[in-house]
Structure formats: structure tokens, C-alpha cells
PDB file of N, CA and C in Angstrom:
ATOM      1  N   MET A   1      89.335  25.788 -62.707  1.00  0.00           N
ATOM      2  CA  MET A   1      88.103  26.381 -62.207  1.00  0.00           C
ATOM      3  C   MET A   1      87.645  25.566 -60.995  1.00  0.00           C
ATOM      4  N   ASN A   2      87.298  26.260 -59.922  1.00  0.00           N
ATOM      5  CA  ASN A   2      86.896  25.486 -58.752  1.00  0.00           C
ATOM      6  C   ASN A   2      85.472  24.959 -58.903  1.00  0.00           C
ATOM      7  N   ARG A   3      85.144  24.021 -58.072  1.00  0.00           N
ATOM      8  CA  ARG A   3      83.886  23.297 -58.191  1.00  0.00           C
ATOM      9  C   ARG A   3      82.653  24.190 -58.052  1.00  0.00           C
ATOM     10  N   SER A   4      82.656  25.105 -57.095  1.00  0.00           N
ATOM     11  CA  SER A   4      81.471  25.941 -56.867  1.00  0.00           C
ATOM     12  C   SER A   4      81.204  26.880 -58.045  1.00  0.00           C
ATOM     13  N   VAL A   5      82.258  27.385 -58.688  1.00  0.00           N
ATOM     14  CA  VAL A   5      82.074  28.255 -59.855  1.00  0.00           C
ATOM     15  C   VAL A   5      81.504  27.444 -61.010  1.00  0.00           C
ATOM     16  N   HIS A   6      82.025  26.247 -61.222  1.00  0.00           N
ATOM     17  CA  HIS A   6      81.539  25.382 -62.298  1.00  0.00           C
ATOM     18  C   HIS A   6      80.070  25.025 -62.081  1.00  0.00           C
ATOM     19  N   LYS A   7      79.714  24.703 -60.842  1.00  0.00           N
ATOM     20  CA  LYS A   7      78.328  24.366 -60.529  1.00  0.00           C
ATOM     21  C   LYS A   7      77.419  25.573 -60.772  1.00  0.00           C
ATOM     22  N   ALA A   8      77.864  26.759 -60.392  1.00  0.00           N
ATOM     23  CA  ALA A   8      77.073  27.977 -60.600  1.00  0.00           C
ATOM     24  C   ALA A   8      76.858  28.235 -62.088  1.00  0.00           C
ATOM     25  N   GLN A   9      77.864  27.974 -62.911  1.00  0.00           N
ATOM     26  CA  GLN A   9      77.719  28.163 -64.356  1.00  0.00           C
ATOM     27  C   GLN A   9      76.702  27.181 -64.933  1.00  0.00           C
ATOM     28  N   ARG A  10      76.749  25.935 -64.465  1.00  0.00           N
ATOM     29  CA  ARG A  10      75.775  24.942 -64.937  1.00  0.00           C
ATOM     30  C   ARG A  10      74.363  25.358 -64.551  1.00  0.00           C
ATOM     31  N   GLN A  11      74.196  25.852 -63.333  1.00  0.00           N
ATOM     32  CA  GLN A  11      72.875  26.280 -62.864  1.00  0.00           C
ATOM     33  C   GLN A  11      72.355  27.440 -63.712  1.00  0.00           C
ATOM     34  N   ALA A  12      73.243  28.374 -64.071  1.00  0.00           N
ATOM     35  CA  ALA A  12      72.840  29.551 -64.838  1.00  0.00           C
ATOM     36  C   ALA A  12      72.366  29.178 -66.241  1.00  0.00           C
ATOM     37  N   CYS A  13      72.946  28.137 -66.855  1.00  0.00           N
ATOM     38  CA  CYS A  13      72.565  27.749 -68.216  1.00  0.00           C
ATOM     39  C   CYS A  13      71.391  26.782 -68.235  1.00  0.00           C
ATOM     40  N   LYS A  14      70.960  26.329 -67.099  1.00  0.00           N
ATOM     41  CA  LYS A  14      69.929  25.307 -67.046  1.00  0.00           C
ATOM     42  C   LYS A  14      68.624  25.825 -67.648  1.00  0.00           C
ATOM     43  N   GLN A  15      68.061  25.044 -68.547  1.00  0.00           N
ATOM     44  CA  GLN A  15      66.813  25.416 -69.194  1.00  0.00           C
ATOM     45  C   GLN A  15      65.666  24.710 -68.486  1.00  0.00           C
ATOM     46  N   VAL A  16      64.535  25.371 -68.428  1.00  0.00           N
ATOM     47  CA  VAL A  16      63.345  24.786 -67.825  1.00  0.00           C
ATOM     48  C   VAL A  16      62.309  24.595 -68.927  1.00  0.00           C
ATOM     49  N   PHE A  17      61.661  23.435 -68.933  1.00  0.00           N
ATOM     50  CA  PHE A  17      60.638  23.106 -69.922  1.00  0.00           C
ATOM     51  C   PHE A  17      59.286  23.082 -69.215  1.00  0.00           C
ATOM     52  N   TYR A  18      58.320  23.822 -69.749  1.00  0.00           N
ATOM     53  CA  TYR A  18      57.006  23.935 -69.123  1.00  0.00           C
ATOM     54  C   TYR A  18      55.957  23.168 -69.915  1.00  0.00           C
ATOM     55  N   CYS A  19      55.064  22.514 -69.199  1.00  0.00           N
ATOM     56  CA  CYS A  19      53.957  21.800 -69.830  1.00  0.00           C
ATOM     57  C   CYS A  19      52.924  22.822 -70.294  1.00  0.00           C
ATOM     58  N   PRO A  20      52.534  22.775 -71.575  1.00  0.00           N
ATOM     59  CA  PRO A  20      51.539  23.726 -72.078  1.00  0.00           C
ATOM     60  C   PRO A  20      50.128  23.443 -71.551  1.00  0.00           C
ATOM     61  N   ARG A  21      49.893  22.242 -71.036  1.00  0.00           N
ATOM     62  CA  ARG A  21      48.557  21.889 -70.547  1.00  0.00           C
ATOM     63  C   ARG A  21      48.343  22.257 -69.082  1.00  0.00           C
ATOM     64  N   CYS A  22      49.322  21.926 -68.229  1.00  0.00           N
ATOM     65  CA  CYS A  22      49.111  22.106 -66.789  1.00  0.00           C
ATOM     66  C   CYS A  22      50.081  23.090 -66.147  1.00  0.00           C
ATOM     67  N   GLY A  23      51.111  23.506 -66.873  1.00  0.00           N
ATOM     68  CA  GLY A  23      52.066  24.462 -66.326  1.00  0.00           C
ATOM     69  C   GLY A  23      53.171  23.846 -65.492  1.00  0.00           C
ATOM     70  N   GLY A  24      53.214  22.524 -65.416  1.00  0.00           N
ATOM     71  CA  GLY A  24      54.289  21.860 -64.675  1.00  0.00           C
ATOM     72  C   GLY A  24      55.643  22.176 -65.292  1.00  0.00           C
ATOM     73  N   SER A  25      56.693  22.182 -64.481  1.00  0.00           N
ATOM     74  CA  SER A  25      58.027  22.501 -65.007  1.00  0.00           C
ATOM     75  C   SER A  25      58.956  21.303 -64.875  1.00  0.00           C
ATOM     76  N   PHE A  26      59.852  21.168 -65.846  1.00  0.00           N
ATOM     77  CA  PHE A  26      60.761  20.032 -65.920  1.00  0.00           C
ATOM     78  C   PHE A  26      62.150  20.511 -66.302  1.00  0.00           C
ATOM     79  N   ASN A  27      63.171  19.886 -65.728  1.00  0.00           N
ATOM     80  CA  ASN A  27      64.556  20.257 -66.016  1.00  0.00           C
ATOM     81  C   ASN A  27      65.060  19.652 -67.319  1.00  0.00           C
ATOM     82  N   TRP A  28      64.425  18.596 -67.777  1.00  0.00           N
ATOM     83  CA  TRP A  28      64.862  17.901 -68.987  1.00  0.00           C
ATOM     84  C   TRP A  28      63.695  17.775 -69.948  1.00  0.00           C
ATOM     85  N   ARG A  29      63.969  17.947 -71.247  1.00  0.00           N
ATOM     86  CA  ARG A  29      62.936  17.846 -72.283  1.00  0.00           C
ATOM     87  C   ARG A  29      62.284  16.459 -72.262  1.00  0.00           C
ATOM     88  N   TYR A  30      63.085  15.410 -72.065  1.00  0.00           N
ATOM     89  CA  TYR A  30      62.540  14.049 -72.034  1.00  0.00           C
ATOM     90  C   TYR A  30      61.473  13.912 -70.948  1.00  0.00           C
ATOM     91  N   ASN A  31      61.721  14.509 -69.771  1.00  0.00           N
ATOM     92  CA  ASN A  31      60.750  14.406 -68.681  1.00  0.00           C
ATOM     93  C   ASN A  31      59.431  15.084 -69.050  1.00  0.00           C
ATOM     94  N   LEU A  32      59.504  16.210 -69.749  1.00  0.00           N
ATOM     95  CA  LEU A  32      58.286  16.876 -70.219  1.00  0.00           C
ATOM     96  C   LEU A  32      57.569  15.991 -71.236  1.00  0.00           C
ATOM     97  N   GLN A  33      58.308  15.408 -72.174  1.00  0.00           N
ATOM     98  CA  GLN A  33      57.691  14.546 -73.192  1.00  0.00           C
ATOM     99  C   GLN A  33      57.018  13.336 -72.541  1.00  0.00           C
ATOM    100  N   HIS A  34      57.680  12.739 -71.564  1.00  0.00           N
ATOM    101  CA  HIS A  34      57.109  11.598 -70.844  1.00  0.00           C
ATOM    102  C   HIS A  34      55.842  12.031 -70.105  1.00  0.00           C
ATOM    103  N   HIS A  35      55.894  13.177 -69.452  1.00  0.00           N
ATOM    104  CA  HIS A  35      54.744  13.725 -68.737  1.00  0.00           C
ATOM    105  C   HIS A  35      53.566  13.929 -69.690  1.00  0.00           C
ATOM    106  N   LEU A  36      53.822  14.533 -70.851  1.00  0.00           N
ATOM    107  CA  LEU A  36      52.755  14.790 -71.821  1.00  0.00           C
ATOM    108  C   LEU A  36      52.152  13.495 -72.352  1.00  0.00           C
ATOM    109  N   LYS A  37      52.985  12.502 -72.562  1.00  0.00           N
ATOM    110  CA  LYS A  37      52.515  11.243 -73.149  1.00  0.00           C
ATOM    111  C   LYS A  37      51.788  10.351 -72.141  1.00  0.00           C
ATOM    112  N   PHE A  38      52.298  10.289 -70.905  1.00  0.00           N
ATOM    113  CA  PHE A  38      51.784   9.300 -69.963  1.00  0.00           C
ATOM    114  C   PHE A  38      51.057   9.852 -68.740  1.00  0.00           C
ATOM    115  N   ALA A  39      51.227  11.121 -68.400  1.00  0.00           N
ATOM    116  CA  ALA A  39      50.680  11.593 -67.132  1.00  0.00           C
ATOM    117  C   ALA A  39      49.675  12.728 -67.261  1.00  0.00           C
ATOM    118  N   CYS A  40      49.991  13.757 -68.015  1.00  0.00           N
ATOM    119  CA  CYS A  40      49.160  14.967 -68.045  1.00  0.00           C
ATOM    120  C   CYS A  40      47.785  14.660 -68.636  1.00  0.00           C
ATOM    121  N   GLY A  41      46.762  14.964 -67.888  1.00  0.00           N
ATOM    122  CA  GLY A  41      45.398  14.746 -68.360  1.00  0.00           C
ATOM    123  C   GLY A  41      44.923  13.308 -68.251  1.00  0.00           C
ATOM    124  N   GLN A  42      45.767  12.419 -67.792  1.00  0.00           N
ATOM    125  CA  GLN A  42      45.401  11.013 -67.646  1.00  0.00           C
ATOM    126  C   GLN A  42      44.899  10.761 -66.228  1.00  0.00           C
ATOM    127  N   SER A  43      43.959   9.864 -66.086  1.00  0.00           N
ATOM    128  CA  SER A  43      43.532   9.496 -64.737  1.00  0.00           C
ATOM    129  C   SER A  43      44.543   8.494 -64.176  1.00  0.00           C
ATOM    130  N   PRO A  44      44.635   8.393 -62.864  1.00  0.00           N
ATOM    131  CA  PRO A  44      45.582   7.449 -62.262  1.00  0.00           C
ATOM    132  C   PRO A  44      45.288   6.025 -62.732  1.00  0.00           C
ATOM    133  N   ARG A  45      46.332   5.280 -63.094  1.00  0.00           N
ATOM    134  CA  ARG A  45      46.120   3.945 -63.658  1.00  0.00           C
ATOM    135  C   ARG A  45      46.566   2.809 -62.752  1.00  0.00           C
ATOM    136  N   PHE A  46      47.196   3.107 -61.627  1.00  0.00           N
ATOM    137  CA  PHE A  46      47.704   2.053 -60.750  1.00  0.00           C
ATOM    138  C   PHE A  46      46.899   2.005 -59.458  1.00  0.00           C
ATOM    139  N   ASN A  47      46.397   0.814 -59.133  1.00  0.00           N
ATOM    140  CA  ASN A  47      45.517   0.608 -57.984  1.00  0.00           C
ATOM    141  C   ASN A  47      46.188  -0.222 -56.903  1.00  0.00           C
ATOM    142  N   CYS A  48      45.802   0.070 -55.671  1.00  0.00           N
ATOM    143  CA  CYS A  48      46.150  -0.807 -54.554  1.00  0.00           C
ATOM    144  C   CYS A  48      45.244  -2.034 -54.655  1.00  0.00           C
ATOM    145  N   PRO A  49      45.781  -3.236 -54.460  1.00  0.00           N
ATOM    146  CA  PRO A  49      44.942  -4.432 -54.538  1.00  0.00           C
ATOM    147  C   PRO A  49      44.043  -4.625 -53.317  1.00  0.00           C
ATOM    148  N   TYR A  50      44.229  -3.812 -52.265  1.00  0.00           N
ATOM    149  CA  TYR A  50      43.512  -4.028 -51.012  1.00  0.00           C
ATOM    150  C   TYR A  50      42.531  -2.920 -50.643  1.00  0.00           C
ATOM    151  N   CYS A  51      42.591  -1.779 -51.321  1.00  0.00           N
ATOM    152  CA  CYS A  51      41.690  -0.664 -51.016  1.00  0.00           C
ATOM    153  C   CYS A  51      41.550   0.209 -52.266  1.00  0.00           C
ATOM    154  N   PRO A  52      40.740   1.258 -52.223  1.00  0.00           N
ATOM    155  CA  PRO A  52      40.500   2.085 -53.417  1.00  0.00           C
ATOM    156  C   PRO A  52      41.632   3.039 -53.812  1.00  0.00           C
ATOM    157  N   PHE A  53      42.758   3.027 -53.129  1.00  0.00           N
ATOM    158  CA  PHE A  53      43.854   3.958 -53.428  1.00  0.00           C
ATOM    159  C   PHE A  53      44.318   3.809 -54.871  1.00  0.00           C
ATOM    160  N   ARG A  54      44.422   4.956 -55.600  1.00  0.00           N
ATOM    161  CA  ARG A  54      44.905   4.975 -56.987  1.00  0.00           C
ATOM    162  C   ARG A  54      45.925   6.086 -57.148  1.00  0.00           C
ATOM    163  N   THR A  55      46.891   5.874 -58.042  1.00  0.00           N
ATOM    164  CA  THR A  55      47.921   6.870 -58.303  1.00  0.00           C
ATOM    165  C   THR A  55      48.467   6.677 -59.710  1.00  0.00           C
ATOM    166  N   LYS A  56      49.293   7.624 -60.150  1.00  0.00           N
ATOM    167  CA  LYS A  56      49.896   7.540 -61.482  1.00  0.00           C
ATOM    168  C   LYS A  56      51.241   6.831 -61.471  1.00  0.00           C
ATOM    169  N   HIS A  57      51.751   6.471 -60.293  1.00  0.00           N
ATOM    170  CA  HIS A  57      53.086   5.879 -60.200  1.00  0.00           C
ATOM    171  C   HIS A  57      53.052   4.581 -59.395  1.00  0.00           C
ATOM    172  N   THR A  58      53.654   3.529 -59.938  1.00  0.00           N
ATOM    173  CA  THR A  58      53.671   2.241 -59.245  1.00  0.00           C
ATOM    174  C   THR A  58      54.403   2.334 -57.914  1.00  0.00           C
ATOM    175  N   SER A  59      55.445   3.153 -57.860  1.00  0.00           N
ATOM    176  CA  SER A  59      56.207   3.259 -56.611  1.00  0.00           C
ATOM    177  C   SER A  59      55.339   3.800 -55.478  1.00  0.00           C
ATOM    178  N   ASN A  60      54.386   4.666 -55.795  1.00  0.00           N
ATOM    179  CA  ASN A  60      53.485   5.185 -54.762  1.00  0.00           C
ATOM    180  C   ASN A  60      52.571   4.093 -54.221  1.00  0.00           C
ATOM    181  N   VAL A  61      52.109   3.192 -55.101  1.00  0.00           N
ATOM    182  CA  VAL A  61      51.262   2.090 -54.648  1.00  0.00           C
ATOM    183  C   VAL A  61      52.076   1.138 -53.780  1.00  0.00           C
ATOM    184  N   ARG A  62      53.295   0.820 -54.199  1.00  0.00           N
ATOM    185  CA  ARG A  62      54.136  -0.081 -53.408  1.00  0.00           C
ATOM    186  C   ARG A  62      54.396   0.489 -52.013  1.00  0.00           C
ATOM    187  N   ALA A  63      54.713   1.775 -51.930  1.00  0.00           N
ATOM    188  CA  ALA A  63      54.939   2.415 -50.628  1.00  0.00           C
ATOM    189  C   ALA A  63      53.650   2.414 -49.806  1.00  0.00           C
ATOM    190  N   HIS A  64      52.526   2.670 -50.450  1.00  0.00           N
ATOM    191  CA  HIS A  64      51.226   2.668 -49.779  1.00  0.00           C
ATOM    192  C   HIS A  64      50.928   1.288 -49.186  1.00  0.00           C
ATOM    193  N   VAL A  65      51.129   0.226 -49.977  1.00  0.00           N
ATOM    194  CA  VAL A  65      50.847  -1.132 -49.498  1.00  0.00           C
ATOM    195  C   VAL A  65      51.745  -1.472 -48.311  1.00  0.00           C
ATOM    196  N   ARG A  66      53.025  -1.136 -48.402  1.00  0.00           N
ATOM    197  CA  ARG A  66      53.936  -1.412 -47.278  1.00  0.00           C
ATOM    198  C   ARG A  66      53.509  -0.673 -46.011  1.00  0.00           C
ATOM    199  N   ARG A  67      53.039   0.555 -46.176  1.00  0.00           N
ATOM    200  CA  ARG A  67      52.682   1.393 -45.030  1.00  0.00           C
ATOM    201  C   ARG A  67      51.294   1.052 -44.473  1.00  0.00           C
ATOM    202  N   LYS A  68      50.300   0.905 -45.341  1.00  0.00           N
ATOM    203  CA  LYS A  68      48.910   0.731 -44.904  1.00  0.00           C
ATOM    204  C   LYS A  68      48.460  -0.721 -44.776  1.00  0.00           C
ATOM    205  N   HIS A  69      49.127  -1.623 -45.491  1.00  0.00           N
ATOM    206  CA  HIS A  69      48.751  -3.043 -45.470  1.00  0.00           C
ATOM    207  C   HIS A  69      50.008  -3.887 -45.228  1.00  0.00           C
ATOM    208  N   PRO A  70      50.672  -3.712 -44.087  1.00  0.00           N
ATOM    209  CA  PRO A  70      51.996  -4.315 -43.876  1.00  0.00           C
ATOM    210  C   PRO A  70      52.026  -5.846 -43.888  1.00  0.00           C
ATOM    211  N   ASP A  71      50.903  -6.497 -43.628  1.00  0.00           N
ATOM    212  CA  ASP A  71      50.896  -7.963 -43.584  1.00  0.00           C
ATOM    213  C   ASP A  71      50.482  -8.590 -44.915  1.00  0.00           C
ATOM    214  N   HIS A  72      50.391  -7.784 -45.961  1.00  0.00           N
ATOM    215  CA  HIS A  72      49.953  -8.278 -47.264  1.00  0.00           C
ATOM    216  C   HIS A  72      51.100  -8.277 -48.272  1.00  0.00           C
ATOM    217  N   GLU A  73      50.916  -9.066 -49.324  1.00  0.00           N
ATOM    218  CA  GLU A  73      51.890  -9.097 -50.413  1.00  0.00           C
ATOM    219  C   GLU A  73      51.893  -7.748 -51.138  1.00  0.00           C
ATOM    220  N   VAL A  74      53.087  -7.283 -51.507  1.00  0.00           N
ATOM    221  CA  VAL A  74      53.221  -5.997 -52.188  1.00  0.00           C
ATOM    222  C   VAL A  74      53.175  -6.223 -53.694  1.00  0.00           C
ATOM    223  N   TYR A  75      52.112  -5.740 -54.326  1.00  0.00           N
ATOM    224  CA  TYR A  75      52.017  -5.744 -55.780  1.00  0.00           C
ATOM    225  C   TYR A  75      51.053  -4.649 -56.209  1.00  0.00           C
ATOM    226  N   VAL A  76      51.013  -4.382 -57.508  1.00  0.00           N
ATOM    227  CA  VAL A  76      50.250  -3.260 -58.055  1.00  0.00           C
ATOM    228  C   VAL A  76      49.293  -3.774 -59.119  1.00  0.00           C
ATOM    229  N   ILE A  77      48.099  -3.219 -59.164  1.00  0.00           N
ATOM    230  CA  ILE A  77      47.149  -3.525 -60.231  1.00  0.00           C
ATOM    231  C   ILE A  77      47.202  -2.384 -61.244  1.00  0.00           C
ATOM    232  N   ASP A  78      47.492  -2.725 -62.491  1.00  0.00           N
ATOM    233  CA  ASP A  78      47.543  -1.739 -63.572  1.00  0.00           C
ATOM    234  C   ASP A  78      46.193  -1.751 -64.285  1.00  0.00           C
ATOM    235  N   ILE A  79      45.401  -0.725 -64.051  1.00  0.00           N
ATOM    236  CA  ILE A  79      44.055  -0.635 -64.625  1.00  0.00           C
ATOM    237  C   ILE A  79      44.094  -0.681 -66.150  1.00  0.00           C
ATOM    238  N   LEU A  80      45.053   0.010 -66.750  1.00  0.00           N
ATOM    239  CA  LEU A  80      45.143   0.086 -68.207  1.00  0.00           C
ATOM    240  C   LEU A  80      45.366  -1.293 -68.823  1.00  0.00           C
ATOM    241  N   SER A  81      46.261  -2.085 -68.250  1.00  0.00           N
ATOM    242  CA  SER A  81      46.516  -3.413 -68.819  1.00  0.00           C
ATOM    243  C   SER A  81      45.302  -4.320 -68.642  1.00  0.00           C
ATOM    244  N   TRP A  82      44.554  -4.154 -67.551  1.00  0.00           N
ATOM    245  CA  TRP A  82      43.336  -4.945 -67.355  1.00  0.00           C
ATOM    246  C   TRP A  82      42.288  -4.552 -68.385  1.00  0.00           C
ATOM    247  N   GLN A  83      42.166  -3.258 -68.662  1.00  0.00           N
ATOM    248  CA  GLN A  83      41.191  -2.798 -69.654  1.00  0.00           C
ATOM    249  C   GLN A  83      41.562  -3.299 -71.040  1.00  0.00           C
ATOM    250  N   GLN A  84      42.848  -3.224 -71.391  1.00  0.00           N
ATOM    251  CA  GLN A  84      43.293  -3.684 -72.708  1.00  0.00           C
ATOM    252  C   GLN A  84      43.092  -5.186 -72.847  1.00  0.00           C
ATOM    253  N   ARG A  85      43.354  -5.920 -71.782  1.00  0.00           N
ATOM    254  CA  ARG A  85      43.171  -7.368 -71.814  1.00  0.00           C
ATOM    255  C   ARG A  85      41.700  -7.702 -72.058  1.00  0.00           C
ATOM    256  N   GLY A  86      40.805  -6.960 -71.415  1.00  0.00           N
ATOM    257  CA  GLY A  86      39.372  -7.172 -71.590  1.00  0.00           C
ATOM    258  C   GLY A  86      38.908  -6.850 -72.994  1.00  0.00           C
ATOM    259  N   GLU A  87      39.470  -5.791 -73.584  1.00  0.00           N
ATOM    260  CA  GLU A  87      39.094  -5.403 -74.947  1.00  0.00           C
ATOM    261  C   GLU A  87      39.559  -6.438 -75.962  1.00  0.00           C
ATOM    262  N   SER A  88      40.746  -7.003 -75.739  1.00  0.00           N
ATOM    263  CA  SER A  88      41.285  -7.957 -76.710  1.00  0.00           C
ATOM    264  C   SER A  88      40.574  -9.303 -76.642  1.00  0.00           C
ATOM    265  N   THR A  89      39.918  -9.603 -75.510  1.00  0.00           N
ATOM    266  CA  THR A  89      39.251 -10.897 -75.392  1.00  0.00           C
ATOM    267  C   THR A  89      37.742 -10.791 -75.566  1.00  0.00           C
ATOM    268  N   SER A  90      37.222  -9.562 -75.709  1.00  0.00           N
ATOM    269  CA  SER A  90      35.773  -9.422 -75.846  1.00  0.00           C
ATOM    270  C   SER A  90      35.327  -9.896 -77.227  1.00  0.00           C
ATOM    271  N   VAL A  91      34.148 -10.488 -77.263  1.00  0.00           N
ATOM    272  CA  VAL A  91      33.595 -11.007 -78.511  1.00  0.00           C
ATOM    273  C   VAL A  91      32.508 -10.057 -78.979  1.00  0.00           C
ATOM    274  N   SER A  92      32.552  -9.679 -80.269  1.00  0.00           N
ATOM    275  CA  SER A  92      31.543  -8.745 -80.807  1.00  0.00           C
ATOM    276  C   SER A  92      30.418  -9.486 -81.472  1.00  0.00           C
TER     277      SER A  92
END
């Protein structure tokens, strides 16, 4: 079987998984599960250390820092880990 026919057969059997909350589509079930657990309905958790920019993906913050703050160190602030750290050290 030649390559183009095999590729066409794979494309025809490909299943699409849809998010029941937002309607996003995913080629793999794992990607939908990850989306439901960590992204859908969640506020952005990664911050730029130099400005108010926030996103759901660390790679977006790293690219942002390189592009917008080229003379600064590239790192990401994870809001969720800061909040959890504060909760674990708070005294009642």
C-alpha cells in the first residue's frame, strides 16, 4: 500500500473528542482529559514576573519574557503554587 493511501485511511478513522464544557476539539482522549482537569474553566495560573501578563501555559510566559523583556532573566511565576504555599504556612 502506498504512503498516501495509508495516510488517507488513518485520517478517515481519526476520532475527534469534544469538550462538553467549552466545545473545544481534541484528536486524542488524553488531551481532552488534560484540558478538562487543568485548563477548562480555570483562570490563567502563570504570570510574567515583570508585568501583568498571565496565561495558562508556561511556554507562553517564557516566549513573552524573551520578546517583551529581552534584558531580563526568563522565568515564570506559578500563581497556584504561591497560593498553596501561603495556605500551608498560614496560622489559624
